[in-house]
Protein backbone atom coordinates (compact mmCIF):
# COMPACT_ATOMS: atom_id res chain seq x y z
CA MET A 1 22.45 12.10 -32.90
CA ARG A 2 23.32 11.67 -29.22
CA GLN A 3 20.29 9.49 -28.64
CA ARG A 4 21.36 7.26 -31.51
CA ASP A 5 24.84 6.94 -29.99
CA LEU A 6 23.31 5.98 -26.58
CA VAL A 7 21.52 3.12 -28.30
CA ALA A 8 24.23 2.10 -30.79
CA ALA A 9 27.08 1.98 -28.25
CA PRO A 10 25.53 -0.79 -26.10
CA LEU A 11 24.56 -2.72 -29.22
CA ARG A 12 28.09 -2.68 -30.42
CA TYR A 13 29.24 -4.16 -27.12
CA LEU A 14 26.53 -6.85 -27.23
CA THR A 15 27.67 -7.89 -30.78
CA SER A 16 31.36 -7.86 -29.93
CA VAL A 17 32.80 -11.37 -30.26
CA PRO A 18 35.85 -10.53 -27.99
CA LEU A 19 33.40 -9.43 -25.26
CA TRP A 20 31.52 -12.64 -25.55
CA ILE A 21 34.65 -14.77 -25.40
CA GLY A 22 36.06 -12.78 -22.48
CA ALA A 23 32.78 -13.22 -20.52
CA GLY A 24 32.68 -16.91 -21.38
CA LEU A 25 36.26 -17.43 -20.23
CA SER A 26 35.49 -15.47 -17.02
CA PHE A 27 32.63 -17.82 -16.20
CA TRP A 28 34.73 -20.91 -17.02
CA ILE A 29 37.47 -19.71 -14.63
CA LEU A 30 34.95 -18.99 -11.93
CA SER A 31 33.45 -22.50 -12.35
CA LEU A 32 36.88 -24.04 -11.95
CA GLY A 33 37.23 -22.40 -8.59
CA ALA A 34 33.78 -23.55 -7.41
CA GLY A 35 34.70 -27.25 -7.58
CA SER A 36 31.25 -28.42 -6.51
CA GLU A 37 30.51 -30.50 -9.56
CA PRO A 38 31.97 -33.88 -10.59
CA ARG A 39 35.09 -33.41 -12.65
CA SER A 40 36.36 -35.46 -15.60
CA PRO A 41 39.97 -36.73 -15.33
CA PHE A 42 40.52 -34.87 -18.62
CA TRP A 43 38.98 -31.62 -17.45
CA PHE A 44 42.07 -29.77 -18.68
CA ALA A 45 41.15 -30.69 -22.30
CA GLU A 46 38.82 -27.62 -22.23
CA ALA A 47 41.70 -25.39 -21.12
CA ILE A 48 43.78 -26.63 -24.08
CA ILE A 49 40.89 -25.87 -26.45
CA TYR A 50 40.56 -22.33 -25.20
CA ALA A 51 44.33 -21.69 -25.20
CA PHE A 52 44.47 -22.88 -28.80
CA TYR A 53 41.40 -20.82 -29.66
CA LEU A 54 43.07 -17.64 -28.32
CA LEU A 55 46.31 -18.48 -30.18
CA VAL A 56 44.41 -18.82 -33.45
CA LEU A 57 42.51 -15.59 -32.78
CA TRP A 58 45.86 -13.80 -32.16
CA ARG A 59 47.43 -15.30 -35.37
CA THR A 60 44.31 -14.19 -37.30
CA ARG A 61 44.68 -10.66 -36.06
CA GLU A 62 48.29 -10.72 -37.30
CA GLY A 63 47.04 -11.56 -40.76
CA TRP A 64 46.97 -15.41 -40.86
CA THR A 65 44.20 -16.74 -43.07
CA GLY A 66 44.20 -20.42 -42.20
CA PHE A 67 45.88 -23.45 -43.53
CA ASP A 68 46.88 -23.77 -47.16
CA LEU A 69 44.01 -25.88 -48.29
CA SER A 70 42.16 -26.26 -51.62
CA ARG A 71 38.50 -25.37 -51.96
CA ARG A 72 37.78 -29.15 -52.39
CA LEU A 73 39.67 -30.05 -49.15
CA ALA A 74 38.49 -27.18 -46.97
CA PRO A 75 34.95 -28.49 -46.34
CA ILE A 76 36.26 -31.91 -45.42
CA ALA A 77 38.82 -30.36 -43.13
CA TYR A 78 36.11 -28.24 -41.49
CA LEU A 79 34.11 -31.28 -40.69
CA GLY A 80 37.07 -33.14 -39.36
CA LEU A 81 38.20 -30.26 -37.26
CA SER A 82 34.80 -29.54 -35.89
CA TRP A 83 34.38 -33.16 -34.85
CA LEU A 84 37.90 -33.44 -33.36
CA ILE A 85 37.41 -30.28 -31.22
CA GLY A 86 34.01 -31.48 -30.17
CA MET A 87 35.31 -34.81 -28.98
CA ALA A 88 38.13 -33.00 -27.15
CA TYR A 89 35.45 -30.95 -25.45
CA GLU A 90 33.53 -34.08 -24.53
CA LEU A 91 36.63 -35.43 -22.79
CA SER A 92 36.45 -32.61 -20.36
CA LEU A 93 32.95 -33.48 -19.38
CA THR A 94 31.40 -36.08 -17.04
CA VAL A 95 27.84 -36.79 -15.89
CA ASP A 96 28.51 -38.07 -12.37
CA GLY A 97 32.31 -38.58 -12.16
CA THR A 98 32.28 -42.29 -13.01
CA GLY A 99 32.67 -41.95 -16.76
CA ILE A 100 33.89 -39.50 -19.38
CA GLY A 101 31.50 -37.50 -21.60
CA GLY A 102 28.52 -35.31 -20.86
CA VAL A 103 25.70 -37.33 -22.35
CA HIS A 104 25.68 -40.57 -20.36
CA PRO A 105 27.39 -41.80 -17.13
CA GLU A 106 29.14 -44.65 -19.07
CA THR A 107 32.04 -43.46 -21.33
CA ARG A 108 31.49 -45.67 -24.41
CA THR A 109 27.71 -44.96 -24.42
CA SER A 110 28.27 -41.32 -23.92
CA PHE A 111 30.54 -40.85 -26.89
CA ILE A 112 28.40 -43.01 -29.17
CA LEU A 113 25.34 -40.92 -28.24
CA ALA A 114 27.33 -37.72 -28.63
CA GLN A 115 27.86 -38.41 -32.32
CA GLY A 116 24.18 -37.65 -33.01
CA ASP A 117 24.87 -34.13 -31.77
CA TYR A 118 28.28 -33.16 -32.92
CA VAL A 119 28.11 -34.60 -36.43
CA PRO A 120 24.80 -32.96 -37.38
CA ILE A 121 26.00 -29.66 -35.87
CA ALA A 122 29.16 -29.83 -38.05
CA LEU A 123 27.14 -30.58 -41.17
CA VAL A 124 24.52 -27.99 -40.59
CA ALA A 125 27.11 -25.31 -39.77
CA LEU A 126 29.10 -26.24 -42.86
CA ALA A 127 25.93 -26.03 -45.04
CA ALA A 128 24.98 -22.64 -43.55
CA THR A 129 28.49 -21.29 -44.07
CA ARG A 130 28.42 -22.27 -47.74
CA LEU A 131 24.82 -21.25 -48.48
CA LYS A 132 25.02 -17.87 -46.66
CA ARG A 133 28.69 -17.22 -46.96
CA LEU A 134 29.15 -16.90 -43.19
CA THR A 135 32.13 -15.32 -41.78
CA TYR A 136 33.84 -16.34 -38.51
CA ARG A 137 31.81 -13.73 -36.71
CA ASP A 138 28.55 -14.88 -38.29
CA ALA A 139 29.42 -18.47 -37.31
CA PHE A 140 30.15 -17.35 -33.77
CA PHE A 141 26.63 -16.02 -33.27
CA LEU A 142 25.11 -18.95 -35.09
CA ALA A 143 26.85 -21.13 -32.57
CA ALA A 144 25.60 -18.97 -29.79
CA GLY A 145 22.05 -19.43 -30.94
CA MET A 146 22.57 -23.24 -31.09
CA SER A 147 23.94 -23.20 -27.54
CA LEU A 148 20.77 -21.51 -26.28
CA THR A 149 18.81 -24.67 -27.13
CA GLU A 150 20.91 -26.50 -24.50
CA GLY A 151 21.12 -23.81 -21.93
CA LEU A 152 17.45 -22.75 -22.15
CA VAL A 153 15.65 -25.95 -23.03
CA PHE A 154 17.36 -29.33 -23.01
CA THR A 155 19.57 -29.02 -19.87
CA GLY A 156 17.98 -25.80 -18.56
CA VAL A 157 21.16 -24.60 -16.85
CA LEU A 158 20.75 -21.09 -18.21
CA THR A 159 17.04 -21.05 -17.39
CA ALA A 160 17.75 -22.23 -13.81
CA THR A 161 20.40 -19.46 -13.48
CA VAL A 162 17.95 -16.83 -14.60
CA LEU A 163 15.41 -18.02 -12.08
CA SER A 164 17.89 -18.32 -9.17
CA PRO A 165 19.29 -15.77 -6.74
CA ALA A 166 22.44 -15.85 -8.87
CA PHE A 167 20.54 -14.50 -11.86
CA VAL A 168 23.12 -11.78 -12.37
CA LEU A 169 25.52 -14.54 -13.65
CA ALA A 170 23.12 -15.40 -16.52
CA PRO A 171 24.89 -13.32 -19.15
CA LEU A 172 28.20 -15.01 -18.28
CA VAL A 173 26.60 -18.44 -18.47
CA ALA A 174 25.14 -17.60 -21.90
CA ALA A 175 28.60 -16.34 -23.00
CA TYR A 176 30.22 -19.59 -21.75
CA TYR A 177 27.85 -21.73 -23.78
CA ALA A 178 28.49 -19.53 -26.84
CA LEU A 179 32.20 -19.86 -26.31
CA ALA A 180 32.01 -23.67 -26.03
CA TYR A 181 29.86 -24.09 -29.08
CA SER A 182 31.90 -21.67 -31.14
CA SER A 183 34.99 -23.67 -30.45
CA TYR A 184 33.77 -26.46 -32.80
CA VAL A 185 31.42 -24.38 -35.02
CA ALA A 186 33.31 -21.10 -35.67
CA LEU A 187 36.94 -21.85 -34.78
CA PRO A 188 37.37 -24.41 -37.58
CA LEU A 189 36.50 -21.59 -40.08
CA LEU A 190 39.61 -19.68 -38.88
CA LEU A 191 41.72 -22.82 -39.55
CA THR A 192 40.30 -23.63 -42.99
CA GLY A 193 39.50 -20.11 -44.17
CA ALA A 194 35.81 -19.41 -44.42
CA HIS A 195 36.18 -18.04 -47.93
CA LYS A 196 37.34 -21.50 -49.18
CA ILE A 197 34.03 -22.96 -48.16
CA TRP A 198 31.96 -20.26 -49.92
CA PRO A 199 31.04 -20.61 -53.57
CA GLU A 200 33.77 -19.12 -55.72
CA SER A 201 31.64 -16.20 -56.87
CA GLY A 202 29.95 -13.66 -54.62
CA GLU A 203 30.62 -11.73 -51.45
CA PRO A 204 29.81 -12.58 -47.84
CA GLY A 205 26.25 -11.73 -46.92
CA ARG A 206 25.29 -9.32 -44.13
CA ILE A 207 23.20 -11.07 -41.50
CA SER A 208 22.18 -9.30 -38.33
CA VAL A 209 23.27 -10.81 -34.99
CA PRO A 210 19.59 -11.29 -33.84
CA LEU A 211 18.79 -13.20 -37.00
CA LEU A 212 21.92 -15.35 -36.61
CA LEU A 213 20.94 -16.12 -33.02
CA LEU A 214 17.44 -17.01 -34.09
CA ALA A 215 18.60 -19.17 -36.97
CA GLY A 216 21.05 -20.97 -34.69
CA PHE A 217 18.34 -21.63 -32.14
CA VAL A 218 15.99 -22.99 -34.68
CA LEU A 219 18.68 -25.21 -36.33
CA GLY A 220 20.01 -26.35 -32.97
CA PHE A 221 16.40 -27.19 -31.80
CA GLY A 222 15.86 -29.26 -34.91
CA ILE A 223 19.16 -31.15 -34.28
CA ARG A 224 18.17 -31.85 -30.71
CA LEU A 225 14.79 -33.22 -31.73
CA PHE A 226 16.57 -35.43 -34.35
CA TRP A 227 18.79 -36.66 -31.57
CA GLY A 228 16.09 -37.30 -29.06
CA LEU A 229 13.42 -38.74 -31.44
CA VAL A 230 15.53 -40.56 -34.04
CA TYR A 231 19.25 -40.95 -33.33
CA ALA A 232 19.34 -41.83 -29.63
CA PRO A 233 16.54 -44.40 -29.73
CA ALA A 234 17.74 -46.02 -32.99
CA ILE A 235 21.48 -46.27 -31.91
CA THR A 236 20.47 -47.50 -28.42
CA ALA A 237 18.38 -50.27 -29.92
CA LEU A 238 20.90 -51.15 -32.65
CA LEU A 239 23.90 -51.38 -30.32
CA GLY A 240 22.12 -52.45 -27.17
CA LEU A 241 23.42 -49.42 -25.20
CA GLU A 242 22.78 -49.12 -21.56
CA THR A 243 20.15 -46.59 -20.58
CA ALA A 244 20.70 -44.38 -17.53
CA THR A 245 18.17 -46.46 -15.53
CA GLU A 246 20.17 -49.58 -16.14
CA MET A 247 23.41 -48.20 -14.70
C-alpha cells in the first residue's frame, strides 16, 4: 500500500491543473525579468489574459458555471471566445520588435497567417469537447498536448531548453506553453459551460492525462501540417503577402 502511495502521490501532482498553471505563471514572470527578447508594445495583453483566467478560476471554485447561454449559442460563443483570446495573446507577441504578432515580422501578415492556426485549434477543440464530453480539466491537458507540437517540433524552444545548461527549466517552459494554449482552448469552456457543448444525454467520459496529451499532440501536429502545407502557401499566394525573406 505504501509503495502504491509513493507512486500515486507524484502522479497526482503531475496531473494537477493548479500546479501546471502555477508553474507556467512562474516561468512567465521569470521571462519578464529577463528582458533579453524583443517585446511587443502590447506585451501586457498576456498579463490581462492571465489575470482574467485566474479570476474565472476563482469564480468557478465559488460555484459559477459560466454565462447563461443556450445549448445552441454555447458552441458559437466558445469559438468566438477562443478566437478573441487567441488574438489578444498574439498582440503580446512580436518576432523581432518591428511588428506585432508571433508568426511574421509584419503585423498584417502575421495576423492573417495566424488565422490558419487559431481557427482550426478552436474548431478541433470544440469538436473534441462535444464528441468526448471533455471537461475543463480534460481540455487543459488536450491544450498542453497541442502546445508540445510548438515547443518540441515547430519552434523547438522546449527542445532547445532540454538540451541546454538550463535544462532544469524545461518543466516550467512546458507548463508555460500549456498555460498559454489553455487560455484559448480550455478557459472558454469555463465561460460557456462545458456541459452546454456536450450532447444532451450522457455523462462526461474519463480520459487519462497521458491519452489527452497524446491526442492533443497528434491533433496539434495535424493542424500545424495543415498550416504549413495548405493554409500558409495558399493565403500567401492569394493575398500576395510578404515572405520573411522579402522583408
